Protein backbone atom coordinates (compact mmCIF):
# COMPACT_ATOMS: atom_id res chain seq x y z
CA MET A 1 0.15 -0.17 0.16
CA SER A 2 1.48 3.40 -1.05
CA PRO A 3 1.55 6.06 1.55
CA LEU A 4 -1.17 8.69 1.60
CA VAL A 5 -0.05 12.16 0.54
CA LEU A 6 -1.86 15.36 1.85
CA ILE A 7 -1.54 18.76 0.92
CA ILE A 8 -3.69 21.03 2.59
CA LEU A 9 -3.81 24.71 1.04
CA TYR A 10 -5.25 27.24 3.33
CA VAL A 11 -7.74 29.56 1.24
CA ALA A 12 -8.80 33.07 1.80
CA ASP A 13 -12.38 31.85 0.50
CA LEU A 14 -13.59 28.24 0.12
CA PRO A 15 -16.48 28.14 -2.28
CA ARG A 16 -14.31 30.23 -4.78
CA ALA A 17 -11.35 27.63 -4.00
CA ARG A 18 -13.82 24.62 -4.54
CA ALA A 19 -15.17 26.32 -8.08
CA PHE A 20 -11.49 26.79 -9.13
CA TYR A 21 -10.23 23.50 -8.62
CA ASP A 22 -13.35 21.76 -9.29
CA ALA A 23 -12.93 23.48 -13.14
CA ALA A 24 -9.18 23.33 -13.13
CA PHE A 25 -8.90 19.43 -12.51
CA GLY A 26 -12.29 17.97 -12.01
CA TRP A 27 -10.95 15.66 -9.59
CA PRO A 28 -13.10 13.48 -7.16
CA ARG A 29 -13.78 14.92 -3.92
CA SER A 30 -12.94 12.90 -0.97
CA VAL A 31 -14.57 15.14 1.53
CA ASP A 32 -16.52 18.01 1.12
CA VAL A 33 -18.41 19.66 4.02
CA PRO A 34 -18.74 23.33 4.82
CA VAL A 35 -15.29 23.86 6.65
CA TYR A 36 -13.03 21.33 4.53
CA CYS A 37 -13.01 20.06 0.78
CA GLU A 38 -10.61 17.32 -0.38
CA TYR A 39 -9.93 15.51 -3.59
CA ALA A 40 -8.66 12.48 -4.52
CA PRO A 41 -6.78 13.00 -7.64
CA GLY A 42 -4.86 9.45 -7.72
CA PRO A 43 -4.03 6.16 -5.28
CA GLY A 44 -2.36 7.86 -2.23
CA VAL A 45 -2.70 11.57 -2.82
CA ARG A 46 -5.32 14.00 -1.50
CA VAL A 47 -5.13 17.57 -1.66
CA GLY A 48 -7.49 19.63 0.46
CA LEU A 49 -8.94 23.18 0.61
CA MET A 50 -9.20 24.63 4.33
CA PRO A 51 -10.29 28.26 4.76
CA GLN A 52 -7.68 30.04 6.50
CA GLY A 53 -9.68 31.49 9.23
CA ASN A 54 -10.19 27.92 10.61
CA THR A 55 -6.34 27.35 10.99
CA ARG A 56 -5.96 29.61 14.13
CA HIS A 57 -6.82 26.76 16.46
CA PHE A 58 -3.94 24.56 15.22
CA LEU A 59 -1.31 27.36 14.05
CA GLY A 60 -2.18 29.73 16.74
CA ASP A 61 -3.72 33.36 16.71
CA GLU A 62 -0.62 34.67 14.94
CA LEU A 63 0.39 32.66 12.14
CA GLY A 64 -3.21 31.38 11.88
CA ALA A 65 -4.33 34.88 10.92
CA ARG A 66 -1.15 35.39 7.89
CA LYS A 67 -2.04 35.07 4.83
CA PRO A 68 0.29 34.15 1.73
CA ALA A 69 0.26 38.07 0.98
CA ASP A 70 1.45 38.65 4.55
CA GLY A 71 4.23 36.37 4.37
CA CYS A 72 2.73 33.05 5.40
CA PRO A 73 4.73 29.66 4.31
CA ARG A 74 3.91 29.29 0.71
CA ALA A 75 3.01 25.80 -1.06
CA GLU A 76 3.85 24.80 -4.38
CA LEU A 77 1.07 22.38 -5.96
CA TYR A 78 2.89 20.10 -9.03
CA VAL A 79 0.23 18.53 -10.97
CA HIS A 80 0.96 16.06 -13.99
CA VAL A 81 -1.70 16.72 -16.49
CA PRO A 82 -2.88 14.86 -19.33
CA ASP A 83 -2.94 17.57 -21.82
CA LEU A 84 -0.53 20.53 -20.94
CA THR A 85 -2.12 23.05 -23.38
CA ALA A 86 -5.88 22.75 -22.34
CA SER A 87 -4.59 23.06 -18.16
CA VAL A 88 -2.89 26.10 -19.45
CA ASN A 89 -5.95 27.49 -21.17
CA ARG A 90 -8.44 26.00 -18.32
CA LEU A 91 -5.89 27.96 -15.84
CA VAL A 92 -5.78 31.25 -17.65
CA ALA A 93 -9.72 31.46 -18.44
CA LEU A 94 -10.08 30.59 -14.46
CA GLY A 95 -8.20 33.99 -13.60
CA ALA A 96 -4.90 32.22 -12.55
CA THR A 97 -2.04 34.42 -13.00
CA CYS A 98 1.00 32.79 -15.29
CA THR A 99 4.46 33.26 -13.61
CA SER A 100 6.09 31.14 -16.28
CA PRO A 101 4.66 29.72 -19.73
CA PRO A 102 5.13 26.31 -20.57
CA ALA A 103 8.91 25.27 -21.14
CA ARG A 104 11.56 22.20 -20.95
CA ARG A 105 12.75 22.56 -17.68
CA ASP A 106 16.06 20.93 -16.10
CA TRP A 107 14.29 17.85 -14.48
CA GLY A 108 12.89 16.69 -17.65
CA ASP A 109 9.25 17.99 -17.65
CA GLU A 110 7.59 20.64 -19.72
CA ALA A 111 5.85 22.97 -17.16
CA ALA A 112 4.30 25.82 -16.61
CA TYR A 113 3.48 28.17 -13.44
CA PHE A 114 0.66 29.73 -12.17
CA VAL A 115 -0.34 31.89 -8.97
CA ASP A 116 -3.87 30.72 -7.91
CA PRO A 117 -6.63 32.98 -6.18
CA ASP A 118 -5.18 32.52 -2.74
CA GLY A 119 -1.45 33.26 -3.86
CA TYR A 120 -0.39 29.48 -3.91
CA VAL A 121 2.28 28.39 -6.58
CA LEU A 122 0.25 25.95 -9.02
CA ALA A 123 2.54 24.06 -11.51
CA VAL A 124 0.83 21.82 -14.57
CA ALA A 125 3.48 19.39 -16.28
CA ARG A 126 4.37 16.58 -18.74
CA PRO A 127 7.26 14.55 -19.21
CA ALA A 128 9.06 16.21 -22.12
CA PRO A 129 8.85 14.05 -25.32
């Protein structure tokens, strides 16, 4: 059995973030409650979205109140996608800010980098031909 990898992104607006990630990737949801949403993009991997305001009880008042724009620790979500061009176009249409267009990277993938509506780094990639 492979280990579970869970990446949780703290978001300013859960309904907006849920709509963004639903439209961007169409992953099945494994948890969907008013205070948290979690996706199951593949075996052993989960991506969760949690409202920033709900983090104070486990991050403390100071860090729990901070947002990415305030210097809160950032996260990068790196996703292999079946159609890089379609994924890039979808992210642009959804309002993600492209910081680096698709290009072959040193590690062998072709990848494009974006910033999502909450300020997190989002990369979509495919193995380079």
